[in-house]
Amino acid sequence: MKKLFALSGLLCILYFPVVMSSTSETGDKEEATLISVTGKVIDHKSGEALAGVLVEIENSGARIYTDFEGKFELHDVAPGTYSINTYLISYESLKFDLELNGEIIEPVKIELNQISRIVP
């Protein structure tokens, strides 16, 4: 019984560092390739921050609403070229392409135009 207990303890000691090293290597590689996209959405004419704007990466499921200062952050985005869509009631929707190459990018500045309708 003592031999079995000692053997299982030895196996745990030998196995634990292998599991920890493989996990940390994989985790570091994944973190290095993912990017955070940050930015601010403003009114084109007034320059005021726009709260509640939906900012989404097309066909990815990644989406977020801007805060009261018009700021947003999309985390854990893989490098690539994406179409970014923005939506806010009473403003024109905006779609643009954004290329992420794995490096840290500057915050994105998005300007939306208010819809003007002529009422007869």
PDB file of N, CA and C in Angstrom:
ATOM      1  N   MET A   1       0.813  -1.187   0.000  1.00  0.00           N
ATOM      2  CA  MET A   1       0.000   0.000   0.000  1.00  0.00           C
ATOM      3  C   MET A   1       0.863   1.260   0.000  1.00  0.00           C
ATOM      4  N   LYS A   2       1.947   1.260   0.782  1.00  0.00           N
ATOM      5  CA  LYS A   2       2.845   2.406   0.840  1.00  0.00           C
ATOM      6  C   LYS A   2       3.517   2.617  -0.506  1.00  0.00           C
ATOM      7  N   LYS A   3       3.854   1.502  -1.202  1.00  0.00           N
ATOM      8  CA  LYS A   3       4.499   1.619  -2.513  1.00  0.00           C
ATOM      9  C   LYS A   3       3.531   2.245  -3.526  1.00  0.00           C
ATOM     10  N   LEU A   4       2.267   1.839  -3.476  1.00  0.00           N
ATOM     11  CA  LEU A   4       1.268   2.381  -4.393  1.00  0.00           C
ATOM     12  C   LEU A   4       1.075   3.879  -4.151  1.00  0.00           C
ATOM     13  N   PHE A   5       1.009   4.276  -2.886  1.00  0.00           N
ATOM     14  CA  PHE A   5       0.848   5.681  -2.536  1.00  0.00           C
ATOM     15  C   PHE A   5       2.059   6.498  -2.991  1.00  0.00           C
ATOM     16  N   ALA A   6       3.269   5.952  -2.776  1.00  0.00           N
ATOM     17  CA  ALA A   6       4.495   6.644  -3.178  1.00  0.00           C
ATOM     18  C   ALA A   6       4.572   6.759  -4.700  1.00  0.00           C
ATOM     19  N   LEU A   7       4.175   5.704  -5.400  1.00  0.00           N
ATOM     20  CA  LEU A   7       4.204   5.706  -6.865  1.00  0.00           C
ATOM     21  C   LEU A   7       3.214   6.730  -7.427  1.00  0.00           C
ATOM     22  N   SER A   8       1.995   6.792  -6.848  1.00  0.00           N
ATOM     23  CA  SER A   8       1.026   7.765  -7.345  1.00  0.00           C
ATOM     24  C   SER A   8       1.492   9.191  -7.052  1.00  0.00           C
ATOM     25  N   GLY A   9       2.135   9.411  -5.906  1.00  0.00           N
ATOM     26  CA  GLY A   9       2.687  10.728  -5.592  1.00  0.00           C
ATOM     27  C   GLY A   9       3.777  11.118  -6.567  1.00  0.00           C
ATOM     28  N   LEU A  10       4.629  10.172  -6.936  1.00  0.00           N
ATOM     29  CA  LEU A  10       5.710  10.425  -7.885  1.00  0.00           C
ATOM     30  C   LEU A  10       5.149  10.768  -9.266  1.00  0.00           C
ATOM     31  N   LEU A  11       4.120  10.041  -9.678  1.00  0.00           N
ATOM     32  CA  LEU A  11       3.500  10.323 -10.976  1.00  0.00           C
ATOM     33  C   LEU A  11       2.886  11.721 -10.994  1.00  0.00           C
ATOM     34  N   CYS A  12       2.252  12.129  -9.893  1.00  0.00           N
ATOM     35  CA  CYS A  12       1.676  13.480  -9.817  1.00  0.00           C
ATOM     36  C   CYS A  12       2.767  14.537  -9.931  1.00  0.00           C
ATOM     37  N   ILE A  13       3.880  14.299  -9.253  1.00  0.00           N
ATOM     38  CA  ILE A  13       4.984  15.260  -9.291  1.00  0.00           C
ATOM     39  C   ILE A  13       5.563  15.370 -10.688  1.00  0.00           C
ATOM     40  N   LEU A  14       5.672  14.252 -11.395  1.00  0.00           N
ATOM     41  CA  LEU A  14       6.231  14.273 -12.747  1.00  0.00           C
ATOM     42  C   LEU A  14       5.232  14.816 -13.761  1.00  0.00           C
ATOM     43  N   TYR A  15       3.945  14.535 -13.574  1.00  0.00           N
ATOM     44  CA  TYR A  15       2.932  14.929 -14.542  1.00  0.00           C
ATOM     45  C   TYR A  15       2.555  16.408 -14.427  1.00  0.00           C
ATOM     46  N   PHE A  16       2.490  16.940 -13.225  1.00  0.00           N
ATOM     47  CA  PHE A  16       2.053  18.318 -12.987  1.00  0.00           C
ATOM     48  C   PHE A  16       2.865  19.355 -13.764  1.00  0.00           C
ATOM     49  N   PRO A  17       4.215  19.318 -13.748  1.00  0.00           N
ATOM     50  CA  PRO A  17       4.959  20.332 -14.519  1.00  0.00           C
ATOM     51  C   PRO A  17       4.719  20.244 -16.028  1.00  0.00           C
ATOM     52  N   VAL A  18       4.497  19.029 -16.554  1.00  0.00           N
ATOM     53  CA  VAL A  18       4.238  18.877 -17.990  1.00  0.00           C
ATOM     54  C   VAL A  18       2.914  19.548 -18.349  1.00  0.00           C
ATOM     55  N   VAL A  19       1.875  19.325 -17.536  1.00  0.00           N
ATOM     56  CA  VAL A  19       0.576  19.932 -17.790  1.00  0.00           C
ATOM     57  C   VAL A  19       0.677  21.447 -17.686  1.00  0.00           C
ATOM     58  N   MET A  20       1.346  21.946 -16.657  1.00  0.00           N
ATOM     59  CA  MET A  20       1.468  23.387 -16.472  1.00  0.00           C
ATOM     60  C   MET A  20       2.246  24.044 -17.611  1.00  0.00           C
ATOM     61  N   SER A  21       3.320  23.419 -18.072  1.00  0.00           N
ATOM     62  CA  SER A  21       4.111  24.045 -19.135  1.00  0.00           C
ATOM     63  C   SER A  21       3.357  24.042 -20.458  1.00  0.00           C
ATOM     64  N   SER A  22       2.627  22.978 -20.758  1.00  0.00           N
ATOM     65  CA  SER A  22       1.892  22.960 -22.021  1.00  0.00           C
ATOM     66  C   SER A  22       0.730  23.947 -21.982  1.00  0.00           C
ATOM     67  N   THR A  23       0.092  24.125 -20.831  1.00  0.00           N
ATOM     68  CA  THR A  23      -1.003  25.080 -20.721  1.00  0.00           C
ATOM     69  C   THR A  23      -0.495  26.505 -20.871  1.00  0.00           C
ATOM     70  N   SER A  24       0.595  26.845 -20.222  1.00  0.00           N
ATOM     71  CA  SER A  24       1.078  28.220 -20.292  1.00  0.00           C
ATOM     72  C   SER A  24       1.604  28.555 -21.674  1.00  0.00           C
ATOM     73  N   GLU A  25       2.214  27.596 -22.349  1.00  0.00           N
ATOM     74  CA  GLU A  25       2.689  27.874 -23.710  1.00  0.00           C
ATOM     75  C   GLU A  25       1.513  28.143 -24.633  1.00  0.00           C
ATOM     76  N   THR A  26       0.483  27.318 -24.547  1.00  0.00           N
ATOM     77  CA  THR A  26      -0.681  27.510 -25.396  1.00  0.00           C
ATOM     78  C   THR A  26      -1.368  28.825 -25.068  1.00  0.00           C
ATOM     79  N   GLY A  27      -1.535  29.125 -23.780  1.00  0.00           N
ATOM     80  CA  GLY A  27      -2.187  30.360 -23.378  1.00  0.00           C
ATOM     81  C   GLY A  27      -1.434  31.578 -23.866  1.00  0.00           C
ATOM     82  N   ASP A  28      -0.093  31.580 -23.774  1.00  0.00           N
ATOM     83  CA  ASP A  28       0.695  32.721 -24.223  1.00  0.00           C
ATOM     84  C   ASP A  28       0.556  32.928 -25.723  1.00  0.00           C
ATOM     85  N   LYS A  29       0.550  31.834 -26.487  1.00  0.00           N
ATOM     86  CA  LYS A  29       0.442  31.965 -27.943  1.00  0.00           C
ATOM     87  C   LYS A  29      -0.911  32.545 -28.331  1.00  0.00           C
ATOM     88  N   GLU A  30      -1.998  32.069 -27.656  1.00  0.00           N
ATOM     89  CA  GLU A  30      -3.317  32.570 -27.982  1.00  0.00           C
ATOM     90  C   GLU A  30      -3.446  34.049 -27.631  1.00  0.00           C
ATOM     91  N   GLU A  31      -2.942  34.445 -26.482  1.00  0.00           N
ATOM     92  CA  GLU A  31      -3.031  35.838 -26.072  1.00  0.00           C
ATOM     93  C   GLU A  31      -2.242  36.743 -27.004  1.00  0.00           C
ATOM     94  N   ALA A  32      -1.118  36.251 -27.529  1.00  0.00           N
ATOM     95  CA  ALA A  32      -0.285  37.082 -28.391  1.00  0.00           C
ATOM     96  C   ALA A  32      -0.961  37.363 -29.726  1.00  0.00           C
ATOM     97  N   THR A  33      -1.850  36.479 -30.184  1.00  0.00           N
ATOM     98  CA  THR A  33      -2.448  36.665 -31.494  1.00  0.00           C
ATOM     99  C   THR A  33      -3.785  37.396 -31.449  1.00  0.00           C
ATOM    100  N   LEU A  34      -4.379  37.557 -30.276  1.00  0.00           N
ATOM    101  CA  LEU A  34      -5.666  38.230 -30.192  1.00  0.00           C
ATOM    102  C   LEU A  34      -5.485  39.716 -29.911  1.00  0.00           C
ATOM    103  N   ILE A  35      -6.371  40.513 -30.466  1.00  0.00           N
ATOM    104  CA  ILE A  35      -6.245  41.968 -30.427  1.00  0.00           C
ATOM    105  C   ILE A  35      -7.518  42.566 -29.826  1.00  0.00           C
ATOM    106  N   SER A  36      -7.388  43.707 -29.180  1.00  0.00           N
ATOM    107  CA  SER A  36      -8.546  44.483 -28.736  1.00  0.00           C
ATOM    108  C   SER A  36      -8.708  45.677 -29.675  1.00  0.00           C
ATOM    109  N   VAL A  37      -9.927  45.866 -30.135  1.00  0.00           N
ATOM    110  CA  VAL A  37     -10.245  47.004 -30.991  1.00  0.00           C
ATOM    111  C   VAL A  37     -11.000  48.019 -30.132  1.00  0.00           C
ATOM    112  N   THR A  38     -10.453  49.216 -30.019  1.00  0.00           N
ATOM    113  CA  THR A  38     -11.090  50.263 -29.227  1.00  0.00           C
ATOM    114  C   THR A  38     -11.376  51.458 -30.120  1.00  0.00           C
ATOM    115  N   GLY A  39     -12.285  52.290 -29.683  1.00  0.00           N
ATOM    116  CA  GLY A  39     -12.567  53.479 -30.475  1.00  0.00           C
ATOM    117  C   GLY A  39     -13.632  54.343 -29.844  1.00  0.00           C
ATOM    118  N   LYS A  40     -14.016  55.372 -30.609  1.00  0.00           N
ATOM    119  CA  LYS A  40     -15.021  56.325 -30.154  1.00  0.00           C
ATOM    120  C   LYS A  40     -15.905  56.698 -31.333  1.00  0.00           C
ATOM    121  N   VAL A  41     -17.204  56.824 -31.068  1.00  0.00           N
ATOM    122  CA  VAL A  41     -18.159  57.207 -32.095  1.00  0.00           C
ATOM    123  C   VAL A  41     -18.688  58.598 -31.748  1.00  0.00           C
ATOM    124  N   ILE A  42     -18.634  59.482 -32.755  1.00  0.00           N
ATOM    125  CA  ILE A  42     -19.085  60.862 -32.547  1.00  0.00           C
ATOM    126  C   ILE A  42     -20.032  61.292 -33.655  1.00  0.00           C
ATOM    127  N   ASP A  43     -20.780  62.359 -33.385  1.00  0.00           N
ATOM    128  CA  ASP A  43     -21.623  62.992 -34.392  1.00  0.00           C
ATOM    129  C   ASP A  43     -20.714  63.778 -35.336  1.00  0.00           C
ATOM    130  N   HIS A  44     -20.871  63.566 -36.641  1.00  0.00           N
ATOM    131  CA  HIS A  44     -20.008  64.210 -37.632  1.00  0.00           C
ATOM    132  C   HIS A  44     -20.086  65.734 -37.571  1.00  0.00           C
ATOM    133  N   LYS A  45     -21.286  66.251 -37.398  1.00  0.00           N
ATOM    134  CA  LYS A  45     -21.478  67.698 -37.437  1.00  0.00           C
ATOM    135  C   LYS A  45     -21.046  68.383 -36.134  1.00  0.00           C
ATOM    136  N   SER A  46     -21.507  67.880 -35.009  1.00  0.00           N
ATOM    137  CA  SER A  46     -21.269  68.557 -33.730  1.00  0.00           C
ATOM    138  C   SER A  46     -20.002  68.094 -33.012  1.00  0.00           C
ATOM    139  N   GLY A  47     -19.534  66.881 -33.345  1.00  0.00           N
ATOM    140  CA  GLY A  47     -18.365  66.329 -32.659  1.00  0.00           C
ATOM    141  C   GLY A  47     -18.688  65.735 -31.298  1.00  0.00           C
ATOM    142  N   GLU A  48     -19.966  65.701 -30.938  1.00  0.00           N
ATOM    143  CA  GLU A  48     -20.372  65.160 -29.652  1.00  0.00           C
ATOM    144  C   GLU A  48     -20.319  63.633 -29.666  1.00  0.00           C
ATOM    145  N   ALA A  49     -19.964  63.058 -28.505  1.00  0.00           N
ATOM    146  CA  ALA A  49     -19.926  61.603 -28.364  1.00  0.00           C
ATOM    147  C   ALA A  49     -21.339  61.041 -28.490  1.00  0.00           C
ATOM    148  N   LEU A  50     -21.451  59.869 -29.115  1.00  0.00           N
ATOM    149  CA  LEU A  50     -22.741  59.211 -29.295  1.00  0.00           C
ATOM    150  C   LEU A  50     -22.801  57.945 -28.441  1.00  0.00           C
ATOM    151  N   ALA A  51     -23.708  57.931 -27.489  1.00  0.00           N
ATOM    152  CA  ALA A  51     -23.906  56.765 -26.619  1.00  0.00           C
ATOM    153  C   ALA A  51     -24.924  55.823 -27.246  1.00  0.00           C
ATOM    154  N   GLY A  52     -24.777  54.541 -26.982  1.00  0.00           N
ATOM    155  CA  GLY A  52     -25.746  53.552 -27.436  1.00  0.00           C
ATOM    156  C   GLY A  52     -25.614  53.127 -28.876  1.00  0.00           C
ATOM    157  N   VAL A  53     -24.488  53.428 -29.501  1.00  0.00           N
ATOM    158  CA  VAL A  53     -24.260  53.004 -30.889  1.00  0.00           C
ATOM    159  C   VAL A  53     -23.855  51.532 -30.885  1.00  0.00           C
ATOM    160  N   LEU A  54     -24.497  50.723 -31.718  1.00  0.00           N
ATOM    161  CA  LEU A  54     -24.112  49.323 -31.857  1.00  0.00           C
ATOM    162  C   LEU A  54     -22.924  49.252 -32.809  1.00  0.00           C
ATOM    163  N   VAL A  55     -21.810  48.704 -32.329  1.00  0.00           N
ATOM    164  CA  VAL A  55     -20.610  48.494 -33.151  1.00  0.00           C
ATOM    165  C   VAL A  55     -20.415  46.994 -33.228  1.00  0.00           C
ATOM    166  N   GLU A  56     -20.398  46.452 -34.453  1.00  0.00           N
ATOM    167  CA  GLU A  56     -20.254  45.001 -34.581  1.00  0.00           C
ATOM    168  C   GLU A  56     -19.271  44.630 -35.686  1.00  0.00           C
ATOM    169  N   ILE A  57     -18.645  43.490 -35.493  1.00  0.00           N
ATOM    170  CA  ILE A  57     -17.797  42.909 -36.523  1.00  0.00           C
ATOM    171  C   ILE A  57     -18.671  41.931 -37.287  1.00  0.00           C
ATOM    172  N   GLU A  58     -18.878  42.221 -38.560  1.00  0.00           N
ATOM    173  CA  GLU A  58     -19.790  41.453 -39.400  1.00  0.00           C
ATOM    174  C   GLU A  58     -19.432  39.966 -39.410  1.00  0.00           C
ATOM    175  N   ASN A  59     -20.470  39.127 -39.296  1.00  0.00           N
ATOM    176  CA  ASN A  59     -20.350  37.664 -39.376  1.00  0.00           C
ATOM    177  C   ASN A  59     -19.460  37.041 -38.302  1.00  0.00           C
ATOM    178  N   SER A  60     -19.261  37.737 -37.181  1.00  0.00           N
ATOM    179  CA  SER A  60     -18.418  37.149 -36.136  1.00  0.00           C
ATOM    180  C   SER A  60     -19.166  36.980 -34.816  1.00  0.00           C
ATOM    181  N   GLY A  61     -20.265  37.687 -34.667  1.00  0.00           N
ATOM    182  CA  GLY A  61     -20.988  37.658 -33.404  1.00  0.00           C
ATOM    183  C   GLY A  61     -20.430  38.637 -32.387  1.00  0.00           C
ATOM    184  N   ALA A  62     -19.300  39.286 -32.698  1.00  0.00           N
ATOM    185  CA  ALA A  62     -18.704  40.269 -31.790  1.00  0.00           C
ATOM    186  C   ALA A  62     -19.440  41.592 -31.965  1.00  0.00           C
ATOM    187  N   ARG A  63     -20.026  42.085 -30.879  1.00  0.00           N
ATOM    188  CA  ARG A  63     -20.766  43.338 -30.930  1.00  0.00           C
ATOM    189  C   ARG A  63     -20.781  43.957 -29.549  1.00  0.00           C
ATOM    190  N   ILE A  64     -20.894  45.284 -29.537  1.00  0.00           N
ATOM    191  CA  ILE A  64     -20.938  46.015 -28.282  1.00  0.00           C
ATOM    192  C   ILE A  64     -21.589  47.367 -28.532  1.00  0.00           C
ATOM    193  N   TYR A  65     -22.153  47.936 -27.478  1.00  0.00           N
ATOM    194  CA  TYR A  65     -22.729  49.276 -27.553  1.00  0.00           C
ATOM    195  C   TYR A  65     -21.749  50.270 -26.946  1.00  0.00           C
ATOM    196  N   THR A  66     -21.711  51.472 -27.510  1.00  0.00           N
ATOM    197  CA  THR A  66     -20.832  52.505 -26.961  1.00  0.00           C
ATOM    198  C   THR A  66     -21.357  52.964 -25.604  1.00  0.00           C
ATOM    199  N   ASP A  67     -20.435  53.415 -24.763  1.00  0.00           N
ATOM    200  CA  ASP A  67     -20.811  53.920 -23.435  1.00  0.00           C
ATOM    201  C   ASP A  67     -21.252  55.383 -23.548  1.00  0.00           C
ATOM    202  N   PHE A  68     -21.442  56.062 -22.398  1.00  0.00           N
ATOM    203  CA  PHE A  68     -21.919  57.444 -22.414  1.00  0.00           C
ATOM    204  C   PHE A  68     -20.917  58.421 -23.017  1.00  0.00           C
ATOM    205  N   GLU A  69     -19.659  58.013 -23.129  1.00  0.00           N
ATOM    206  CA  GLU A  69     -18.633  58.862 -23.740  1.00  0.00           C
ATOM    207  C   GLU A  69     -18.388  58.486 -25.199  1.00  0.00           C
ATOM    208  N   GLY A  70     -19.232  57.594 -25.741  1.00  0.00           N
ATOM    209  CA  GLY A  70     -19.103  57.164 -27.129  1.00  0.00           C
ATOM    210  C   GLY A  70     -18.003  56.136 -27.357  1.00  0.00           C
ATOM    211  N   LYS A  71     -17.421  55.609 -26.297  1.00  0.00           N
ATOM    212  CA  LYS A  71     -16.292  54.678 -26.417  1.00  0.00           C
ATOM    213  C   LYS A  71     -16.763  53.230 -26.450  1.00  0.00           C
ATOM    214  N   PHE A  72     -15.957  52.394 -27.113  1.00  0.00           N
ATOM    215  CA  PHE A  72     -16.234  50.959 -27.176  1.00  0.00           C
ATOM    216  C   PHE A  72     -14.928  50.175 -27.164  1.00  0.00           C
ATOM    217  N   GLU A  73     -15.023  48.898 -26.779  1.00  0.00           N
ATOM    218  CA  GLU A  73     -13.886  47.976 -26.810  1.00  0.00           C
ATOM    219  C   GLU A  73     -14.387  46.602 -27.211  1.00  0.00           C
ATOM    220  N   LEU A  74     -13.811  46.058 -28.255  1.00  0.00           N
ATOM    221  CA  LEU A  74     -14.081  44.676 -28.670  1.00  0.00           C
ATOM    222  C   LEU A  74     -12.812  43.881 -28.385  1.00  0.00           C
ATOM    223  N   HIS A  75     -12.919  42.872 -27.527  1.00  0.00           N
ATOM    224  CA  HIS A  75     -11.744  42.117 -27.095  1.00  0.00           C
ATOM    225  C   HIS A  75     -11.615  40.785 -27.833  1.00  0.00           C
ATOM    226  N   ASP A  76     -10.398  40.261 -27.820  1.00  0.00           N
ATOM    227  CA  ASP A  76     -10.084  38.917 -28.335  1.00  0.00           C
ATOM    228  C   ASP A  76     -10.462  38.737 -29.799  1.00  0.00           C
ATOM    229  N   VAL A  77     -10.026  39.680 -30.622  1.00  0.00           N
ATOM    230  CA  VAL A  77     -10.272  39.608 -32.068  1.00  0.00           C
ATOM    231  C   VAL A  77      -9.003  39.090 -32.744  1.00  0.00           C
ATOM    232  N   ALA A  78      -9.139  38.066 -33.563  1.00  0.00           N
ATOM    233  CA  ALA A  78      -7.991  37.494 -34.267  1.00  0.00           C
ATOM    234  C   ALA A  78      -7.575  38.407 -35.425  1.00  0.00           C
ATOM    235  N   PRO A  79      -6.304  38.372 -35.804  1.00  0.00           N
ATOM    236  CA  PRO A  79      -5.862  39.166 -36.953  1.00  0.00           C
ATOM    237  C   PRO A  79      -6.639  38.804 -38.222  1.00  0.00           C
ATOM    238  N   GLY A  80      -6.838  39.782 -39.080  1.00  0.00           N
ATOM    239  CA  GLY A  80      -7.562  39.569 -40.329  1.00  0.00           C
ATOM    240  C   GLY A  80      -8.185  40.865 -40.793  1.00  0.00           C
ATOM    241  N   THR A  81      -8.940  40.790 -41.874  1.00  0.00           N
ATOM    242  CA  THR A  81      -9.662  41.955 -42.386  1.00  0.00           C
ATOM    243  C   THR A  81     -11.138  41.753 -42.096  1.00  0.00           C
ATOM    244  N   TYR A  82     -11.738  42.748 -41.481  1.00  0.00           N
ATOM    245  CA  TYR A  82     -13.126  42.647 -41.044  1.00  0.00           C
ATOM    246  C   TYR A  82     -13.940  43.828 -41.553  1.00  0.00           C
ATOM    247  N   SER A  83     -15.243  43.587 -41.724  1.00  0.00           N
ATOM    248  CA  SER A  83     -16.190  44.663 -42.002  1.00  0.00           C
ATOM    249  C   SER A  83     -16.811  45.052 -40.671  1.00  0.00           C
ATOM    250  N   ILE A  84     -16.727  46.337 -40.346  1.00  0.00           N
ATOM    251  CA  ILE A  84     -17.295  46.865 -39.115  1.00  0.00           C
ATOM    252  C   ILE A  84     -18.577  47.605 -39.466  1.00  0.00           C
ATOM    253  N   ASN A  85     -19.652  47.303 -38.749  1.00  0.00           N
ATOM    254  CA  ASN A  85     -20.947  47.958 -38.955  1.00  0.00           C
ATOM    255  C   ASN A  85     -21.309  48.753 -37.717  1.00  0.00           C
ATOM    256  N   THR A  86     -21.917  49.927 -37.932  1.00  0.00           N
ATOM    257  CA  THR A  86     -22.401  50.735 -36.813  1.00  0.00           C
ATOM    258  C   THR A  86     -23.856  51.118 -37.078  1.00  0.00           C
ATOM    259  N   TYR A  87     -24.649  51.118 -36.004  1.00  0.00           N
ATOM    260  CA  TYR A  87     -26.069  51.435 -36.105  1.00  0.00           C
ATOM    261  C   TYR A  87     -26.496  52.294 -34.915  1.00  0.00           C
ATOM    262  N   LEU A  88     -27.271  53.321 -35.192  1.00  0.00           N
ATOM    263  CA  LEU A  88     -27.901  54.134 -34.156  1.00  0.00           C
ATOM    264  C   LEU A  88     -29.152  54.766 -34.757  1.00  0.00           C
ATOM    265  N   ILE A  89     -30.251  54.707 -34.027  1.00  0.00           N
ATOM    266  CA  ILE A  89     -31.504  55.296 -34.494  1.00  0.00           C
ATOM    267  C   ILE A  89     -31.290  56.775 -34.785  1.00  0.00           C
ATOM    268  N   SER A  90     -31.801  57.224 -35.885  1.00  0.00           N
ATOM    269  CA  SER A  90     -31.757  58.595 -36.412  1.00  0.00           C
ATOM    270  C   SER A  90     -30.396  58.968 -36.993  1.00  0.00           C
ATOM    271  N   TYR A  91     -29.504  57.979 -37.151  1.00  0.00           N
ATOM    272  CA  TYR A  91     -28.213  58.209 -37.806  1.00  0.00           C
ATOM    273  C   TYR A  91     -28.052  57.214 -38.951  1.00  0.00           C
ATOM    274  N   GLU A  92     -27.304  57.629 -39.967  1.00  0.00           N
ATOM    275  CA  GLU A  92     -27.018  56.740 -41.083  1.00  0.00           C
ATOM    276  C   GLU A  92     -26.112  55.608 -40.597  1.00  0.00           C
ATOM    277  N   SER A  93     -26.418  54.386 -41.024  1.00  0.00           N
ATOM    278  CA  SER A  93     -25.554  53.253 -40.710  1.00  0.00           C
ATOM    279  C   SER A  93     -24.240  53.432 -41.453  1.00  0.00           C
ATOM    280  N   LEU A  94     -23.182  52.926 -40.867  1.00  0.00           N
ATOM    281  CA  LEU A  94     -21.866  53.050 -41.490  1.00  0.00           C
ATOM    282  C   LEU A  94     -21.198  51.686 -41.499  1.00  0.00           C
ATOM    283  N   LYS A  95     -20.598  51.356 -42.638  1.00  0.00           N
ATOM    284  CA  LYS A  95     -19.863  50.100 -42.779  1.00  0.00           C
ATOM    285  C   LYS A  95     -18.498  50.423 -43.356  1.00  0.00           C
ATOM    286  N   PHE A  96     -17.444  49.877 -42.738  1.00  0.00           N
ATOM    287  CA  PHE A  96     -16.093  50.083 -43.244  1.00  0.00           C
ATOM    288  C   PHE A  96     -15.240  48.865 -42.933  1.00  0.00           C
ATOM    289  N   ASP A  97     -14.155  48.705 -43.687  1.00  0.00           N
ATOM    290  CA  ASP A  97     -13.243  47.583 -43.473  1.00  0.00           C
ATOM    291  C   ASP A  97     -12.115  47.994 -42.544  1.00  0.00           C
ATOM    292  N   LEU A  98     -11.700  47.056 -41.706  1.00  0.00           N
ATOM    293  CA  LEU A  98     -10.613  47.283 -40.767  1.00  0.00           C
ATOM    294  C   LEU A  98      -9.670  46.092 -40.837  1.00  0.00           C
ATOM    295  N   GLU A  99      -8.396  46.384 -41.094  1.00  0.00           N
ATOM    296  CA  GLU A  99      -7.387  45.317 -41.172  1.00  0.00           C
ATOM    297  C   GLU A  99      -6.605  45.264 -39.871  1.00  0.00           C
ATOM    298  N   LEU A 100      -6.583  44.071 -39.272  1.00  0.00           N
ATOM    299  CA  LEU A 100      -5.839  43.840 -38.040  1.00  0.00           C
ATOM    300  C   LEU A 100      -4.698  42.888 -38.359  1.00  0.00           C
ATOM    301  N   ASN A 101      -3.470  43.330 -38.112  1.00  0.00           N
ATOM    302  CA  ASN A 101      -2.310  42.516 -38.483  1.00  0.00           C
ATOM    303  C   ASN A 101      -1.595  41.902 -37.291  1.00  0.00           C
ATOM    304  N   GLY A 102      -2.196  41.913 -36.128  1.00  0.00           N
ATOM    305  CA  GLY A 102      -1.579  41.305 -34.960  1.00  0.00           C
ATOM    306  C   GLY A 102      -0.854  42.295 -34.078  1.00  0.00           C
ATOM    307  N   GLU A 103      -0.755  43.534 -34.498  1.00  0.00           N
ATOM    308  CA  GLU A 103      -0.107  44.559 -33.689  1.00  0.00           C
ATOM    309  C   GLU A 103      -1.177  45.406 -33.008  1.00  0.00           C
ATOM    310  N   ILE A 104      -0.782  46.122 -31.996  1.00  0.00           N
ATOM    311  CA  ILE A 104      -1.712  47.020 -31.304  1.00  0.00           C
ATOM    312  C   ILE A 104      -2.086  48.138 -32.262  1.00  0.00           C
ATOM    313  N   ILE A 105      -3.377  48.428 -32.345  1.00  0.00           N
ATOM    314  CA  ILE A 105      -3.833  49.482 -33.260  1.00  0.00           C
ATOM    315  C   ILE A 105      -4.286  50.703 -32.462  1.00  0.00           C
ATOM    316  N   GLU A 106      -4.265  51.832 -33.118  1.00  0.00           N
ATOM    317  CA  GLU A 106      -4.741  53.076 -32.521  1.00  0.00           C
ATOM    318  C   GLU A 106      -6.266  52.985 -32.375  1.00  0.00           C
ATOM    319  N   PRO A 107      -6.842  53.712 -31.419  1.00  0.00           N
ATOM    320  CA  PRO A 107      -8.303  53.732 -31.311  1.00  0.00           C
ATOM    321  C   PRO A 107      -8.943  54.214 -32.620  1.00  0.00           C
ATOM    322  N   VAL A 108     -10.047  53.591 -32.974  1.00  0.00           N
ATOM    323  CA  VAL A 108     -10.762  53.903 -34.204  1.00  0.00           C
ATOM    324  C   VAL A 108     -11.708  55.074 -33.938  1.00  0.00           C
ATOM    325  N   LYS A 109     -11.691  56.079 -34.819  1.00  0.00           N
ATOM    326  CA  LYS A 109     -12.603  57.216 -34.696  1.00  0.00           C
ATOM    327  C   LYS A 109     -13.686  57.056 -35.762  1.00  0.00           C
ATOM    328  N   ILE A 110     -14.923  56.974 -35.311  1.00  0.00           N
ATOM    329  CA  ILE A 110     -16.051  56.778 -36.215  1.00  0.00           C
ATOM    330  C   ILE A 110     -16.967  57.999 -36.126  1.00  0.00           C
ATOM    331  N   GLU A 111     -17.272  58.587 -37.282  1.00  0.00           N
ATOM    332  CA  GLU A 111     -18.159  59.744 -37.335  1.00  0.00           C
ATOM    333  C   GLU A 111     -19.441  59.356 -38.065  1.00  0.00           C
ATOM    334  N   LEU A 112     -20.572  59.557 -37.398  1.00  0.00           N
ATOM    335  CA  LEU A 112     -21.859  59.230 -38.000  1.00  0.00           C
ATOM    336  C   LEU A 112     -22.611  60.495 -38.361  1.00  0.00           C
ATOM    337  N   ASN A 113     -23.344  60.425 -39.467  1.00  0.00           N
ATOM    338  CA  ASN A 113     -24.168  61.544 -39.936  1.00  0.00           C
ATOM    339  C   ASN A 113     -25.621  61.326 -39.536  1.00  0.00           C
ATOM    340  N   GLN A 114     -26.216  62.372 -38.988  1.00  0.00           N
ATOM    341  CA  GLN A 114     -27.606  62.307 -38.595  1.00  0.00           C
ATOM    342  C   GLN A 114     -28.476  62.291 -39.846  1.00  0.00           C
ATOM    343  N   ILE A 115     -29.536  61.518 -39.816  1.00  0.00           N
ATOM    344  CA  ILE A 115     -30.470  61.461 -40.947  1.00  0.00           C
ATOM    345  C   ILE A 115     -31.316  62.721 -40.944  1.00  0.00           C
ATOM    346  N   SER A 116     -31.339  63.392 -42.072  1.00  0.00           N
ATOM    347  CA  SER A 116     -32.192  64.579 -42.164  1.00  0.00           C
ATOM    348  C   SER A 116     -33.327  64.270 -43.123  1.00  0.00           C
ATOM    349  N   ARG A 117     -34.522  64.432 -42.638  1.00  0.00           N
ATOM    350  CA  ARG A 117     -35.703  64.160 -43.467  1.00  0.00           C
ATOM    351  C   ARG A 117     -36.511  65.446 -43.600  1.00  0.00           C
ATOM    352  N   ILE A 118     -36.992  65.650 -44.809  1.00  0.00           N
ATOM    353  CA  ILE A 118     -37.845  66.811 -45.063  1.00  0.00           C
ATOM    354  C   ILE A 118     -39.286  66.347 -44.911  1.00  0.00           C
ATOM    355  N   VAL A 119     -39.967  66.959 -43.963  1.00  0.00           N
ATOM    356  CA  VAL A 119     -41.370  66.600 -43.716  1.00  0.00           C
ATOM    357  C   VAL A 119     -42.249  67.563 -44.507  1.00  0.00           C
ATOM    358  N   PRO A 120     -43.133  67.002 -45.350  1.00  0.00           N
ATOM    359  CA  PRO A 120     -43.989  67.890 -46.174  1.00  0.00           C
ATOM    360  C   PRO A 120     -45.034  68.596 -45.373  1.00  0.00           C
TER     361      PRO A 120
END
